[in-house]
Amino acid sequence: MPSTRDAPRCRRTGQLDHQGGQGGATDGAPSAPEGWSAAPFPTSEIGSPTLRQGDGRSKRGHLRSRSRAQPAGRAVVIATARLEDVLSAVLNEAVTVVARRRGRYASTSDLEEVDALVGGRGLALVLKDTGEGGLLPAVRPAKPDFVRDTDRELDVYTTILRRCVPDAPRLYASLHDPPAGRCLLVLERVAGQPLHEVGELEPWLDTARWLARFHRDCGPARARRLLVYDRELYETWIARAAAFNTREDIAWLQSFYPEIADFLCGRPTVFLHGTFYAANVLLQQEEEVTRVRPVGWEMAAIGPALLDLAALTAGRWRDEERDELDAAYWNEAVGSGRPDWLFREALECCRLHLAVQCLGWARDRTPPPAHAQFWLGEAARAAERLGL
């Protein structure tokens, strides 16, 4: 039987009250109705909506006004009138919700897209329910209990992202309701293209460089509910992989995986996105600049930095392309030259562990198409590059 844990791994470095009006707010921050937390947000940054066909706006570029809009095809977690009241209190301006619809990119939690008007200006939002009640039906039985934490993403937004990751979506407000199994985040909706839909290599190289800067700038950041990549976690993943796959497929991995875990336990640790797959990265065009906007922080963690790079570079790459991505990260992190042997060894160990983690995620797991990889093959390629 695999060794599992009943509660998520977390290390506490401070306390936050997410249930009152203080959740991450600073002096002078906007207030919110009882039960909600408000996140500081300068209203001057709310601008005219970027008009794109297919995002809920009319082809002429005007938002279609609809009284008391409700999302189609799902239960309403918060009534429109209540949402308007909360946003109006947070932004200190009257907010009118004009459209609600089911999110297009939901992979683990229920998402809802919201179009609103604030003083005649457009405001694009997404509502994300990170609670147990918000998990998608296909995800609920598959997601391991020991990595679940209803409050982790909220904790990360309020303690780390708003301080040192300006490219993360902005958190406007949150509603924490443990008895109902709800943790509702009201987030900026990023108008960007998912990286996995991009065929050119250069945007991927830019993303690798962004990732290196992110690890450098947020390296010492801590939050109380982060997953921690320690020996217990590594041992849990290989035990689950062994339980969920045939002995013939996994025995060779088990024979040397303890050495991989020992090596990774000895590596320096940083704040990780945790699932930095291309499906969780949006590219947003702003004039001549393309911003890298990571989403989906529910698996944020403390661990070796190259676990994130392993996720970004997972998939069917030619060796020379993957080497370019590795070098882009290295050069941004170190300055020049080609990656040294220790970097390459650490990265291949991270790639091998990532394969083990995916093999141990759930029995008969059916991942989203953008994540669908033949992980035994990924593990075999990493082992070969390590000379195992």
Protein backbone atom coordinates (compact mmCIF):
# COMPACT_ATOMS: atom_id res chain seq x y z
CA MET A 1 0.00 0.00 0.00
CA PRO A 2 1.32 3.44 -0.75
CA SER A 3 2.15 5.65 2.20
CA THR A 4 -0.19 8.62 2.13
CA ARG A 5 -0.88 11.47 4.49
CA ASP A 6 -4.24 12.56 5.78
CA ALA A 7 -3.45 16.28 5.65
CA PRO A 8 -1.53 18.51 3.24
CA ARG A 9 2.09 19.26 4.03
CA CYS A 10 2.46 22.83 5.20
CA ARG A 11 4.91 25.00 7.09
CA ARG A 12 3.55 28.01 8.88
CA THR A 13 5.45 31.30 8.82
CA GLY A 14 2.70 33.60 10.06
CA GLN A 15 -1.01 33.86 10.50
CA LEU A 16 -3.62 35.38 8.25
CA ASP A 17 -7.30 35.87 8.93
CA HIS A 18 -9.08 35.06 5.68
CA GLN A 19 -12.54 35.25 7.18
CA GLY A 20 -12.72 38.87 8.18
CA GLY A 21 -11.86 42.02 6.27
CA GLN A 22 -8.11 41.70 6.86
CA GLY A 23 -7.16 38.91 4.48
CA GLY A 24 -3.97 40.25 2.99
CA ALA A 25 -5.10 43.85 3.20
CA THR A 26 -2.81 46.66 4.28
CA ASP A 27 -3.60 49.93 6.00
CA GLY A 28 -5.82 51.99 3.76
CA ALA A 29 -6.97 48.94 1.79
CA PRO A 30 -10.57 48.84 0.58
CA SER A 31 -13.18 47.33 2.84
CA ALA A 32 -15.45 44.44 1.93
CA PRO A 33 -18.78 43.15 3.20
CA GLU A 34 -18.77 40.82 6.19
CA GLY A 35 -17.37 37.40 5.40
CA TRP A 36 -15.28 38.68 2.49
CA SER A 37 -11.66 39.72 2.27
CA ALA A 38 -10.62 42.62 0.06
CA ALA A 39 -7.34 42.86 -1.82
CA PRO A 40 -5.81 46.32 -2.47
CA PHE A 41 -6.48 47.38 -6.04
CA PRO A 42 -5.90 50.84 -7.56
CA THR A 43 -9.00 51.71 -9.56
CA SER A 44 -6.86 53.71 -11.96
CA GLU A 45 -5.68 50.37 -13.37
CA ILE A 46 -9.17 49.46 -14.54
CA GLY A 47 -9.29 50.41 -18.20
CA SER A 48 -11.36 49.94 -21.29
CA PRO A 49 -11.85 46.28 -22.15
CA THR A 50 -9.62 44.68 -24.73
CA LEU A 51 -12.13 43.83 -27.44
CA ARG A 52 -11.75 40.38 -28.95
CA GLN A 53 -14.31 38.33 -30.78
CA GLY A 54 -15.46 35.37 -28.75
CA ASP A 55 -14.88 36.72 -25.26
CA GLY A 56 -18.51 37.52 -24.49
CA ARG A 57 -18.61 40.91 -26.20
CA SER A 58 -20.50 41.80 -29.34
CA LYS A 59 -18.64 41.79 -32.67
CA ARG A 60 -18.96 45.57 -32.75
CA GLY A 61 -16.88 45.79 -29.61
CA HIS A 62 -19.53 46.78 -27.10
CA LEU A 63 -20.42 44.87 -23.98
CA ARG A 64 -23.95 43.56 -24.19
CA SER A 65 -25.86 44.74 -21.15
CA ARG A 66 -28.01 42.10 -19.52
CA SER A 67 -29.82 42.62 -16.25
CA ARG A 68 -28.95 40.26 -13.43
CA ALA A 69 -26.86 38.01 -15.66
CA GLN A 70 -26.41 34.42 -14.49
CA PRO A 71 -23.97 31.78 -15.73
CA ALA A 72 -25.33 29.04 -17.93
CA GLY A 73 -24.93 25.36 -17.16
CA ARG A 74 -23.75 25.47 -13.52
CA ALA A 75 -24.89 26.26 -10.00
CA VAL A 76 -24.53 29.88 -8.95
CA VAL A 77 -22.06 30.08 -6.06
CA ILE A 78 -22.76 33.77 -5.49
CA ALA A 79 -25.76 35.75 -6.70
CA THR A 80 -25.06 38.54 -9.14
CA ALA A 81 -26.45 41.25 -6.84
CA ARG A 82 -24.18 40.06 -4.03
CA LEU A 83 -21.15 40.01 -6.34
CA GLU A 84 -21.93 43.58 -7.45
CA ASP A 85 -22.14 44.69 -3.81
CA VAL A 86 -18.81 43.10 -2.95
CA LEU A 87 -16.98 44.57 -5.95
CA SER A 88 -18.55 47.99 -5.42
CA ALA A 89 -17.31 47.99 -1.83
CA VAL A 90 -13.83 46.82 -2.81
CA LEU A 91 -13.41 49.29 -5.70
CA ASN A 92 -15.37 52.13 -4.08
CA GLU A 93 -17.34 52.57 -7.31
CA ALA A 94 -20.63 51.21 -8.58
CA VAL A 95 -20.12 47.90 -10.38
CA THR A 96 -22.64 46.36 -12.79
CA VAL A 97 -22.29 42.75 -13.87
CA VAL A 98 -23.43 42.40 -17.49
CA ALA A 99 -22.51 38.82 -18.39
CA ARG A 100 -21.60 35.55 -16.67
CA ARG A 101 -20.60 32.29 -18.30
CA ARG A 102 -18.76 29.09 -17.55
CA GLY A 103 -14.97 29.38 -17.77
CA ARG A 104 -13.33 28.05 -20.91
CA TYR A 105 -10.07 26.79 -19.38
CA ALA A 106 -11.18 24.98 -16.23
CA SER A 107 -8.99 21.94 -15.57
CA THR A 108 -9.31 21.25 -11.83
CA SER A 109 -11.69 23.77 -10.21
CA ASP A 110 -14.95 25.34 -11.30
CA LEU A 111 -14.36 28.62 -13.15
CA GLU A 112 -16.80 31.30 -14.13
CA GLU A 113 -16.07 34.29 -16.38
CA VAL A 114 -17.68 37.60 -15.49
CA ASP A 115 -17.92 40.82 -17.54
CA ALA A 116 -18.63 43.95 -15.53
CA LEU A 117 -18.73 47.71 -15.91
CA VAL A 118 -17.12 50.09 -13.43
CA GLY A 119 -18.01 53.70 -14.16
CA GLY A 120 -18.38 52.88 -17.84
CA ARG A 121 -15.08 51.02 -17.99
CA GLY A 122 -14.77 47.32 -18.61
CA LEU A 123 -13.71 44.88 -15.93
CA ALA A 124 -12.97 41.24 -16.86
CA LEU A 125 -13.07 38.77 -13.97
CA VAL A 126 -12.92 35.08 -13.26
CA LEU A 127 -14.49 33.41 -10.22
CA LYS A 128 -12.56 30.37 -9.05
CA ASP A 129 -13.85 28.06 -6.35
CA THR A 130 -10.82 26.31 -4.84
CA GLY A 131 -12.87 24.53 -2.18
CA GLU A 132 -13.80 20.86 -2.20
CA GLY A 133 -17.20 21.82 -3.57
CA GLY A 134 -15.54 23.56 -6.50
CA LEU A 135 -13.51 20.61 -7.77
CA LEU A 136 -14.67 19.38 -11.16
CA PRO A 137 -16.47 15.99 -11.03
CA ALA A 138 -13.67 14.24 -12.92
CA VAL A 139 -11.03 15.69 -10.61
CA ARG A 140 -12.68 15.10 -7.23
CA PRO A 141 -12.04 11.32 -7.02
CA ALA A 142 -8.62 11.55 -8.70
CA LYS A 143 -6.81 14.36 -6.88
CA PRO A 144 -4.77 12.87 -4.00
CA ASP A 145 -5.96 13.86 -0.53
CA PHE A 146 -2.46 14.73 0.69
CA VAL A 147 -2.00 17.55 -1.85
CA ARG A 148 -5.45 19.08 -1.35
CA ASP A 149 -5.75 22.31 0.58
CA THR A 150 -8.80 24.50 0.08
CA ASP A 151 -6.95 27.59 1.29
CA ARG A 152 -3.54 27.18 -0.34
CA GLU A 153 -4.17 29.28 -3.43
CA LEU A 154 -5.79 32.07 -1.40
CA ASP A 155 -2.85 32.01 1.01
CA VAL A 156 -0.39 32.25 -1.88
CA TYR A 157 -2.23 35.17 -3.48
CA THR A 158 -2.42 37.16 -0.26
CA THR A 159 1.07 36.48 1.13
CA ILE A 160 3.36 36.07 -1.90
CA LEU A 161 1.92 36.85 -5.32
CA ARG A 162 0.66 40.37 -4.70
CA ARG A 163 4.07 41.24 -3.22
CA CYS A 164 6.61 39.69 -5.58
CA VAL A 165 4.83 38.29 -8.66
CA PRO A 166 3.21 41.26 -10.46
CA ASP A 167 2.47 39.08 -13.50
CA ALA A 168 0.14 36.79 -11.54
CA PRO A 169 -3.58 37.60 -11.95
CA ARG A 170 -4.77 40.23 -9.50
CA LEU A 171 -6.92 39.09 -6.61
CA TYR A 172 -9.84 41.46 -5.98
CA ALA A 173 -11.64 39.70 -3.15
CA SER A 174 -12.23 36.29 -1.60
CA LEU A 175 -14.93 34.45 0.29
CA HIS A 176 -13.85 31.74 2.69
CA ASP A 177 -16.70 29.46 3.79
CA PRO A 178 -15.31 26.22 5.33
CA PRO A 179 -18.69 24.73 6.37
CA ALA A 180 -19.86 24.93 2.75
CA GLY A 181 -16.53 23.65 1.40
CA ARG A 182 -16.10 26.88 -0.56
CA CYS A 183 -13.16 29.22 -1.07
CA LEU A 184 -14.16 31.64 -3.80
CA LEU A 185 -11.49 33.83 -5.41
CA VAL A 186 -12.48 36.87 -7.48
CA LEU A 187 -9.58 37.26 -9.88
CA GLU A 188 -8.50 39.33 -12.85
CA ARG A 189 -9.33 37.50 -16.08
CA VAL A 190 -6.20 37.53 -18.18
CA ALA A 191 -6.79 38.12 -21.88
CA GLY A 192 -3.99 35.88 -23.08
CA GLN A 193 -3.18 32.88 -25.25
CA PRO A 194 -2.33 29.59 -23.53
CA LEU A 195 1.32 28.79 -24.13
CA HIS A 196 0.54 25.23 -25.21
CA GLU A 197 -1.27 26.66 -28.25
CA VAL A 198 1.88 28.49 -29.42
CA GLY A 199 3.99 26.74 -32.01
CA GLU A 200 6.92 29.19 -32.27
CA LEU A 201 9.86 28.50 -29.97
CA GLU A 202 10.69 32.10 -29.02
CA PRO A 203 7.68 32.63 -26.69
CA TRP A 204 8.66 29.43 -24.90
CA LEU A 205 12.22 30.74 -24.49
CA ASP A 206 10.82 34.00 -23.09
CA THR A 207 8.76 31.95 -20.64
CA ALA A 208 11.84 30.00 -19.51
CA ARG A 209 13.64 33.31 -18.91
CA TRP A 210 10.63 34.63 -16.97
CA LEU A 211 10.67 31.48 -14.84
CA ALA A 212 14.34 32.01 -13.93
CA ARG A 213 13.61 35.59 -12.83
CA PHE A 214 10.57 34.41 -10.85
CA HIS A 215 12.66 31.87 -8.94
CA ARG A 216 15.38 34.45 -8.29
CA ASP A 217 13.01 37.18 -7.10
CA CYS A 218 10.73 34.93 -4.99
CA GLY A 219 13.34 32.44 -3.80
CA PRO A 220 12.96 33.05 -0.04
CA ALA A 221 9.18 33.61 -0.12
CA ARG A 222 7.17 31.47 2.26
CA ALA A 223 3.48 30.96 3.03
CA ARG A 224 1.92 28.78 5.66
CA ARG A 225 0.06 26.31 3.42
CA LEU A 226 2.62 25.46 0.76
CA LEU A 227 3.39 21.90 -0.21
CA VAL A 228 6.91 20.96 0.87
CA TYR A 229 9.08 18.69 -1.26
CA ASP A 230 10.76 16.65 1.45
CA ARG A 231 11.71 13.00 1.78
CA GLU A 232 8.24 11.99 2.94
CA LEU A 233 6.65 13.56 -0.13
CA TYR A 234 9.10 11.89 -2.54
CA GLU A 235 8.56 8.52 -0.88
CA THR A 236 4.80 8.97 -1.09
CA TRP A 237 4.91 9.60 -4.83
CA ILE A 238 7.06 6.57 -5.70
CA ALA A 239 4.89 4.33 -3.47
CA ARG A 240 1.75 5.52 -5.27
CA ALA A 241 3.39 5.07 -8.67
CA ALA A 242 4.25 1.49 -7.71
CA ALA A 243 0.68 0.86 -6.53
CA PHE A 244 -0.96 2.28 -9.66
CA ASN A 245 1.25 0.69 -12.33
CA THR A 246 2.33 -2.85 -13.16
CA ARG A 247 5.45 -4.20 -11.48
CA GLU A 248 7.09 -4.70 -14.88
CA ASP A 249 6.61 -1.01 -15.68
CA ILE A 250 7.75 0.45 -12.38
CA ALA A 251 10.30 -1.93 -10.79
CA TRP A 252 13.22 -0.43 -12.68
CA LEU A 253 12.24 3.04 -11.42
CA GLN A 254 11.95 1.84 -7.83
CA SER A 255 15.46 0.40 -7.97
CA PHE A 256 17.18 3.78 -8.25
CA TYR A 257 14.53 6.33 -7.27
CA PRO A 258 15.80 6.58 -3.63
CA GLU A 259 19.04 8.01 -5.04
CA ILE A 260 17.02 10.59 -6.98
CA ALA A 261 15.11 11.54 -3.81
CA ASP A 262 18.35 11.82 -1.82
CA PHE A 263 19.83 14.12 -4.45
CA LEU A 264 16.74 16.36 -4.64
CA CYS A 265 16.50 16.60 -0.84
CA GLY A 266 20.00 18.07 -0.88
CA ARG A 267 19.20 20.78 -3.44
CA PRO A 268 18.43 24.39 -2.47
CA THR A 269 14.72 25.14 -2.35
CA VAL A 270 12.65 28.08 -3.62
CA PHE A 271 9.02 29.07 -3.96
CA LEU A 272 7.52 27.02 -6.82
CA HIS A 273 4.46 27.46 -8.98
CA GLY A 274 4.12 23.69 -8.63
CA THR A 275 2.42 22.90 -11.95
CA PHE A 276 4.20 25.16 -14.42
CA TYR A 277 2.88 23.29 -17.44
CA ALA A 278 2.25 25.25 -20.61
CA ALA A 279 -1.52 24.98 -20.06
CA ASN A 280 -1.09 27.09 -16.91
CA VAL A 281 0.78 29.90 -18.67
CA LEU A 282 -1.03 32.66 -20.57
CA LEU A 283 0.78 35.06 -22.90
CA GLN A 284 -0.72 38.54 -22.86
CA GLN A 285 0.19 41.02 -25.59
CA GLU A 286 0.62 44.61 -24.39
CA GLU A 287 1.73 46.92 -27.20
CA GLU A 288 5.22 45.66 -28.11
CA VAL A 289 5.63 43.52 -25.00
CA THR A 290 4.36 40.01 -24.29
CA ARG A 291 3.74 39.35 -20.61
CA VAL A 292 3.99 35.87 -19.11
CA ARG A 293 0.92 35.43 -16.86
CA PRO A 294 0.91 32.16 -14.88
CA VAL A 295 -2.42 30.92 -13.50
CA GLY A 296 -3.47 27.94 -11.37
CA TRP A 297 -1.42 28.27 -8.17
CA GLU A 298 -3.20 25.55 -6.18
CA MET A 299 -0.09 23.30 -6.08
CA ALA A 300 2.34 26.06 -5.04
CA ALA A 301 5.21 24.59 -3.08
CA ILE A 302 8.69 24.84 -1.62
CA GLY A 303 11.16 22.65 -3.50
CA PRO A 304 13.98 22.52 -6.05
CA ALA A 305 13.56 25.31 -8.63
CA LEU A 306 14.07 23.02 -11.59
CA LEU A 307 10.84 21.13 -10.88
CA ASP A 308 9.06 24.09 -12.53
CA LEU A 309 11.41 24.01 -15.52
CA ALA A 310 10.86 20.25 -15.83
CA ALA A 311 7.11 20.89 -16.07
CA LEU A 312 7.53 23.66 -18.65
CA THR A 313 9.71 21.46 -20.87
CA ALA A 314 7.70 18.25 -20.49
CA GLY A 315 6.40 16.76 -23.70
CA ARG A 316 7.44 15.83 -27.19
CA TRP A 317 10.39 18.14 -27.83
CA ARG A 318 13.36 17.57 -30.08
CA ASP A 319 16.55 17.33 -28.02
CA GLU A 320 17.95 20.54 -29.51
CA GLU A 321 14.75 22.47 -28.68
CA ARG A 322 14.70 21.25 -25.10
CA ASP A 323 18.39 22.15 -24.79
CA GLU A 324 17.56 25.68 -25.98
CA LEU A 325 14.86 26.02 -23.33
CA ASP A 326 17.21 24.74 -20.63
CA ALA A 327 19.91 27.18 -21.78
CA ALA A 328 17.45 30.12 -21.81
CA TYR A 329 16.65 29.46 -18.14
CA TRP A 330 20.32 28.96 -17.25
CA ASN A 331 21.49 32.14 -18.98
CA GLU A 332 18.80 34.23 -17.28
CA ALA A 333 19.65 32.71 -13.90
CA VAL A 334 23.46 32.61 -14.18
CA GLY A 335 24.37 35.11 -16.89
CA SER A 336 26.13 33.32 -19.73
CA GLY A 337 27.55 30.09 -21.07
CA ARG A 338 26.05 26.65 -21.32
CA PRO A 339 24.43 24.80 -18.41
CA ASP A 340 26.99 22.99 -16.27
CA TRP A 341 26.88 19.32 -15.38
CA LEU A 342 25.30 19.89 -11.95
CA PHE A 343 22.45 21.92 -13.48
CA ARG A 344 21.85 19.25 -16.11
CA GLU A 345 21.92 16.46 -13.54
CA ALA A 346 19.53 18.29 -11.22
CA LEU A 347 17.14 19.03 -14.09
CA GLU A 348 17.04 15.41 -15.26
CA CYS A 349 16.38 14.28 -11.67
CA CYS A 350 13.49 16.75 -11.53
CA ARG A 351 12.17 15.45 -14.85
CA LEU A 352 12.34 11.91 -13.56
CA HIS A 353 10.53 12.85 -10.35
CA LEU A 354 7.85 14.71 -12.30
CA ALA A 355 7.19 11.54 -14.28
CA VAL A 356 6.92 9.55 -11.03
CA GLN A 357 4.51 12.14 -9.62
CA CYS A 358 2.27 11.89 -12.68
CA LEU A 359 2.41 8.09 -12.61
CA GLY A 360 1.37 8.21 -8.95
CA TRP A 361 -1.37 10.82 -9.28
CA ALA A 362 -4.30 8.43 -9.50
CA ARG A 363 -5.17 4.97 -10.67
CA ASP A 364 -6.36 5.05 -14.31
CA ARG A 365 -5.80 8.79 -14.38
CA THR A 366 -7.15 10.64 -17.42
CA PRO A 367 -5.31 14.00 -17.44
CA PRO A 368 -6.32 17.07 -19.47
CA PRO A 369 -5.18 16.77 -23.12
CA ALA A 370 -2.56 19.51 -22.69
CA HIS A 371 -0.95 17.47 -19.86
CA ALA A 372 -1.30 14.06 -21.50
CA GLN A 373 2.24 12.64 -21.70
CA PHE A 374 3.57 9.15 -21.76
CA TRP A 375 5.24 9.52 -18.38
CA LEU A 376 6.99 6.17 -18.37
CA GLY A 377 8.70 7.29 -21.56
CA GLU A 378 9.62 10.62 -19.94
CA ALA A 379 11.11 8.76 -16.98
CA ALA A 380 13.05 6.44 -19.26
CA ARG A 381 14.53 9.35 -21.23
CA ALA A 382 15.57 11.15 -18.03
CA ALA A 383 17.12 7.97 -16.64
CA GLU A 384 19.07 7.46 -19.87
CA ARG A 385 20.42 11.00 -19.76
CA LEU A 386 21.47 10.40 -16.14
CA GLY A 387 23.26 7.20 -17.15
CA LEU A 388 21.03 5.01 -14.97
